Amino acid sequence: MIKKEEVEKIAQLARLGLSSEEVTKLQTELSKIFGYIDKLKELKTDKVEPVSHPFNIRNVMRPDAKRSGKRAESSKLLEAGPTTKDQYLKVKAVLK
């Protein structure tokens, strides 16, 4: 069981202003949480392989390649911009 003083110390570190009723409630809840963690520590996990995700999935990435055949669409977009340079929109510098 977690002590009242420990809950008050945790609350102080977290900059929480707790009433005495809240301290008592938090003491009970934290004790239950730590009790559950102790139960989990009893499990034999030496043959369980660590994973970062429960499903065997991969991030699908497309190759970063130039797309051809879209010249008509890009020229329309470039015409809509205020100024262009070498087939790119020219914009003001963001960083100096």
Protein backbone atom coordinates (compact mmCIF):
# COMPACT_ATOMS: atom_id res chain seq x y z
CA MET A 1 0.00 0.00 0.00
CA ILE A 2 1.32 3.41 -0.97
CA LYS A 3 1.68 5.85 1.91
CA LYS A 4 -0.16 9.13 2.22
CA GLU A 5 3.16 11.00 2.35
CA GLU A 6 4.21 9.44 -0.97
CA VAL A 7 0.99 10.60 -2.64
CA GLU A 8 1.53 14.10 -1.27
CA LYS A 9 5.13 14.10 -2.56
CA ILE A 10 3.97 12.98 -6.02
CA ALA A 11 1.29 15.67 -6.01
CA GLN A 12 3.87 18.27 -5.03
CA LEU A 13 6.22 17.20 -7.84
CA ALA A 14 3.33 17.34 -10.32
CA ARG A 15 2.30 20.74 -8.95
CA LEU A 16 -1.15 19.43 -7.99
CA GLY A 17 -3.09 20.97 -5.18
CA LEU A 18 -5.01 18.06 -3.68
CA SER A 19 -7.49 18.09 -0.84
CA SER A 20 -7.22 15.46 1.89
CA GLU A 21 -10.14 13.54 0.32
CA GLU A 22 -8.36 13.54 -3.05
CA VAL A 23 -5.14 12.33 -1.43
CA THR A 24 -7.01 9.45 0.20
CA LYS A 25 -8.75 8.55 -3.06
CA LEU A 26 -5.48 8.74 -5.01
CA GLN A 27 -3.76 6.62 -2.35
CA THR A 28 -6.35 3.87 -2.85
CA GLU A 29 -6.24 4.08 -6.66
CA LEU A 30 -2.44 4.09 -6.87
CA SER A 31 -2.26 1.15 -4.46
CA LYS A 32 -4.58 -0.82 -6.76
CA ILE A 33 -2.48 0.09 -9.80
CA PHE A 34 0.76 -0.95 -8.12
CA GLY A 35 -0.90 -4.16 -6.93
CA TYR A 36 -1.84 -4.97 -10.52
CA ILE A 37 1.72 -4.26 -11.63
CA ASP A 38 2.99 -6.69 -8.99
CA LYS A 39 0.65 -9.35 -10.41
CA LEU A 40 2.03 -8.70 -13.88
CA LYS A 41 5.58 -9.13 -12.59
CA GLU A 42 4.68 -12.71 -11.59
CA LEU A 43 4.08 -13.68 -15.22
CA LYS A 44 6.80 -15.69 -16.92
CA THR A 45 7.77 -13.69 -20.00
CA ASP A 46 11.25 -15.05 -20.65
CA LYS A 47 10.11 -16.83 -23.84
CA VAL A 48 8.00 -13.94 -25.11
CA GLU A 49 9.65 -11.91 -27.84
CA PRO A 50 9.42 -8.14 -27.28
CA VAL A 51 7.34 -6.24 -29.83
CA SER A 52 6.57 -2.61 -30.47
CA HIS A 53 3.19 -3.34 -32.05
CA PRO A 54 0.86 -6.33 -31.66
CA PHE A 55 0.30 -6.67 -35.41
CA ASN A 56 2.86 -7.53 -38.04
CA ILE A 57 2.35 -4.50 -40.29
CA ARG A 58 4.67 -2.30 -42.29
CA ASN A 59 4.47 1.28 -43.35
CA VAL A 60 3.79 1.39 -47.08
CA MET A 61 6.07 3.87 -48.78
CA ARG A 62 6.06 4.83 -52.42
CA PRO A 63 9.32 5.52 -54.20
CA ASP A 64 10.24 9.18 -54.39
CA ALA A 65 10.33 9.60 -58.14
CA LYS A 66 9.44 12.28 -60.63
CA ARG A 67 5.98 11.86 -62.07
CA SER A 68 5.69 12.32 -65.80
CA GLY A 69 2.66 13.12 -67.95
CA LYS A 70 1.30 15.82 -65.64
CA ARG A 71 2.85 18.79 -67.49
CA ALA A 72 -0.51 20.28 -68.56
CA GLU A 73 -1.82 20.32 -64.99
CA SER A 74 1.37 21.76 -63.52
CA SER A 75 1.57 24.51 -66.15
CA LYS A 76 -1.98 25.59 -65.25
CA LEU A 77 -0.96 25.78 -61.58
CA LEU A 78 2.19 27.73 -62.42
CA GLU A 79 0.16 30.22 -64.44
CA ALA A 80 -2.09 30.80 -61.43
CA GLY A 81 0.87 31.75 -59.22
CA PRO A 82 2.15 35.32 -58.91
CA THR A 83 5.73 34.67 -60.13
CA THR A 84 7.58 31.64 -61.40
CA LYS A 85 11.19 30.64 -61.97
CA ASP A 86 12.40 27.51 -63.80
CA GLN A 87 9.01 25.75 -63.61
CA TYR A 88 8.65 26.46 -59.88
CA LEU A 89 6.54 28.96 -57.96
CA LYS A 90 8.70 31.76 -56.61
CA VAL A 91 7.87 32.72 -53.02
CA LYS A 92 9.33 35.08 -50.45
CA ALA A 93 11.96 33.72 -48.08
CA VAL A 94 10.54 32.34 -44.86
CA LEU A 95 13.82 32.15 -42.93
CA LYS A 96 16.63 34.69 -43.00
